[in-house]
Amino acid sequence: MVQITVKVEGMACGMCESHVNDAVRRAFPVKKVTSSHKRGETVILAEENISVEQLRSAIEPMGYRVLDAVCGPYVKKGLLGFGR
């Protein structure tokens, strides 16, 4: 499983977060997606990497701008937030 952190410009509120989350869920088979307009990012958990170009094609038609995406292995946090 991988964690993809996407920098998204243009989210201003909770509804913006929902729009981005819905766009990602519709376009890709993800395990989990959460967005934060305050941090300007969306975090995606998926089985496989999703390219920046694919993310742009799903998110940018909604009126937001994908600046960058970083993919890394997902490390599940255990009790008290420590990795296993």
C-alpha atoms as a PDB file:
ATOM      1  CA  MET A   1       0.000   0.000   0.000  1.00  0.00           C
ATOM      2  CA  VAL A   2       1.195   3.515  -0.810  1.00  0.00           C
ATOM      3  CA  GLN A   3       0.471   6.961   0.580  1.00  0.00           C
ATOM      4  CA  ILE A   4       0.248   9.753  -1.962  1.00  0.00           C
ATOM      5  CA  THR A   5       0.381  13.331  -0.690  1.00  0.00           C
ATOM      6  CA  VAL A   6      -0.943  15.807  -3.241  1.00  0.00           C
ATOM      7  CA  LYS A   7      -0.465  19.574  -2.985  1.00  0.00           C
ATOM      8  CA  VAL A   8      -3.722  21.151  -4.149  1.00  0.00           C
ATOM      9  CA  GLU A   9      -4.235  24.871  -4.697  1.00  0.00           C
ATOM     10  CA  GLY A  10      -7.656  26.485  -4.544  1.00  0.00           C
ATOM     11  CA  MET A  11      -9.384  24.650  -1.688  1.00  0.00           C
ATOM     12  CA  ALA A  12     -10.973  27.237   0.604  1.00  0.00           C
ATOM     13  CA  CYS A  13     -13.423  25.301   2.796  1.00  0.00           C
ATOM     14  CA  GLY A  14     -14.814  21.933   3.829  1.00  0.00           C
ATOM     15  CA  MET A  15     -16.956  21.705   0.689  1.00  0.00           C
ATOM     16  CA  CYS A  16     -13.839  22.130  -1.435  1.00  0.00           C
ATOM     17  CA  GLU A  17     -12.272  19.226   0.462  1.00  0.00           C
ATOM     18  CA  SER A  18     -15.356  17.108  -0.254  1.00  0.00           C
ATOM     19  CA  HIS A  19     -15.264  17.974  -3.967  1.00  0.00           C
ATOM     20  CA  VAL A  20     -11.614  16.919  -4.250  1.00  0.00           C
ATOM     21  CA  ASN A  21     -12.205  13.728  -2.235  1.00  0.00           C
ATOM     22  CA  ASP A  22     -15.193  12.794  -4.414  1.00  0.00           C
ATOM     23  CA  ALA A  23     -13.239  13.438  -7.624  1.00  0.00           C
ATOM     24  CA  VAL A  24     -10.419  11.152  -6.432  1.00  0.00           C
ATOM     25  CA  ARG A  25     -12.836   8.408  -5.340  1.00  0.00           C
ATOM     26  CA  ARG A  26     -14.657   8.501  -8.693  1.00  0.00           C
ATOM     27  CA  ALA A  27     -11.442   8.309 -10.722  1.00  0.00           C
ATOM     28  CA  PHE A  28      -9.340   5.785  -8.787  1.00  0.00           C
ATOM     29  CA  PRO A  29      -9.742   2.659  -6.625  1.00  0.00           C
ATOM     30  CA  VAL A  30      -8.483   4.168  -3.361  1.00  0.00           C
ATOM     31  CA  LYS A  31      -8.667   2.801   0.178  1.00  0.00           C
ATOM     32  CA  LYS A  32      -8.926   6.234   1.806  1.00  0.00           C
ATOM     33  CA  VAL A  33      -8.733   9.895   0.821  1.00  0.00           C
ATOM     34  CA  THR A  34      -8.689  12.961   3.054  1.00  0.00           C
ATOM     35  CA  SER A  35      -8.155  16.617   2.194  1.00  0.00           C
ATOM     36  CA  SER A  36      -7.262  19.710   4.203  1.00  0.00           C
ATOM     37  CA  HIS A  37      -7.875  23.167   2.789  1.00  0.00           C
ATOM     38  CA  LYS A  38      -5.766  24.658   5.592  1.00  0.00           C
ATOM     39  CA  ARG A  39      -2.712  22.590   4.604  1.00  0.00           C
ATOM     40  CA  GLY A  40      -3.570  22.673   0.903  1.00  0.00           C
ATOM     41  CA  GLU A  41      -3.143  18.948   0.550  1.00  0.00           C
ATOM     42  CA  THR A  42      -4.922  15.691  -0.129  1.00  0.00           C
ATOM     43  CA  VAL A  43      -3.641  12.387   1.263  1.00  0.00           C
ATOM     44  CA  ILE A  44      -4.564   9.210  -0.604  1.00  0.00           C
ATOM     45  CA  LEU A  45      -4.070   5.598   0.481  1.00  0.00           C
ATOM     46  CA  ALA A  46      -4.088   3.198  -2.466  1.00  0.00           C
ATOM     47  CA  GLU A  47      -2.742  -0.166  -3.537  1.00  0.00           C
ATOM     48  CA  GLU A  48      -0.718   1.389  -6.386  1.00  0.00           C
ATOM     49  CA  ASN A  49       0.834   4.757  -7.189  1.00  0.00           C
ATOM     50  CA  ILE A  50      -1.229   7.337  -9.086  1.00  0.00           C
ATOM     51  CA  SER A  51       0.763   9.683 -11.312  1.00  0.00           C
ATOM     52  CA  VAL A  52       0.632  13.464 -11.064  1.00  0.00           C
ATOM     53  CA  GLU A  53      -0.832  13.584 -14.578  1.00  0.00           C
ATOM     54  CA  GLN A  54      -3.656  11.200 -13.615  1.00  0.00           C
ATOM     55  CA  LEU A  55      -4.390  13.239 -10.482  1.00  0.00           C
ATOM     56  CA  ARG A  56      -4.449  16.453 -12.508  1.00  0.00           C
ATOM     57  CA  SER A  57      -6.933  14.962 -14.975  1.00  0.00           C
ATOM     58  CA  ALA A  58      -9.270  14.017 -12.099  1.00  0.00           C
ATOM     59  CA  ILE A  59      -8.937  17.096  -9.847  1.00  0.00           C
ATOM     60  CA  GLU A  60      -8.300  20.096 -12.115  1.00  0.00           C
ATOM     61  CA  PRO A  61     -11.660  19.937 -13.991  1.00  0.00           C
ATOM     62  CA  MET A  62     -13.250  20.633 -10.577  1.00  0.00           C
ATOM     63  CA  GLY A  63     -11.509  24.037 -10.516  1.00  0.00           C
ATOM     64  CA  TYR A  64      -8.531  23.189  -8.280  1.00  0.00           C
ATOM     65  CA  ARG A  65      -4.855  23.047  -9.254  1.00  0.00           C
ATOM     66  CA  VAL A  66      -2.550  20.099  -8.555  1.00  0.00           C
ATOM     67  CA  LEU A  67       0.912  21.456  -7.784  1.00  0.00           C
ATOM     68  CA  ASP A  68       2.807  18.279  -6.876  1.00  0.00           C
ATOM     69  CA  ALA A  69       2.382  14.729  -5.622  1.00  0.00           C
ATOM     70  CA  VAL A  70       4.738  12.591  -3.543  1.00  0.00           C
ATOM     71  CA  CYS A  71       4.332   8.847  -3.215  1.00  0.00           C
ATOM     72  CA  GLY A  72       5.821   6.697  -0.470  1.00  0.00           C
ATOM     73  CA  PRO A  73       5.134   3.471   1.380  1.00  0.00           C
ATOM     74  CA  TYR A  74       2.247   3.602   3.834  1.00  0.00           C
ATOM     75  CA  VAL A  75       3.308   2.837   7.391  1.00  0.00           C
ATOM     76  CA  LYS A  76       0.371   1.997   9.609  1.00  0.00           C
ATOM     77  CA  LYS A  77       0.618   3.652  12.994  1.00  0.00           C
ATOM     78  CA  GLY A  78       0.054   1.461  16.011  1.00  0.00           C
ATOM     79  CA  LEU A  79      -1.015   2.281  19.530  1.00  0.00           C
ATOM     80  CA  LEU A  80      -0.090   5.833  20.609  1.00  0.00           C
ATOM     81  CA  GLY A  81       0.959   6.781  17.065  1.00  0.00           C
ATOM     82  CA  PHE A  82       4.134   4.683  16.881  1.00  0.00           C
ATOM     83  CA  GLY A  83       4.883   2.669  13.742  1.00  0.00           C
ATOM     84  CA  ARG A  84       4.889  -1.105  13.809  1.00  0.00           C
END
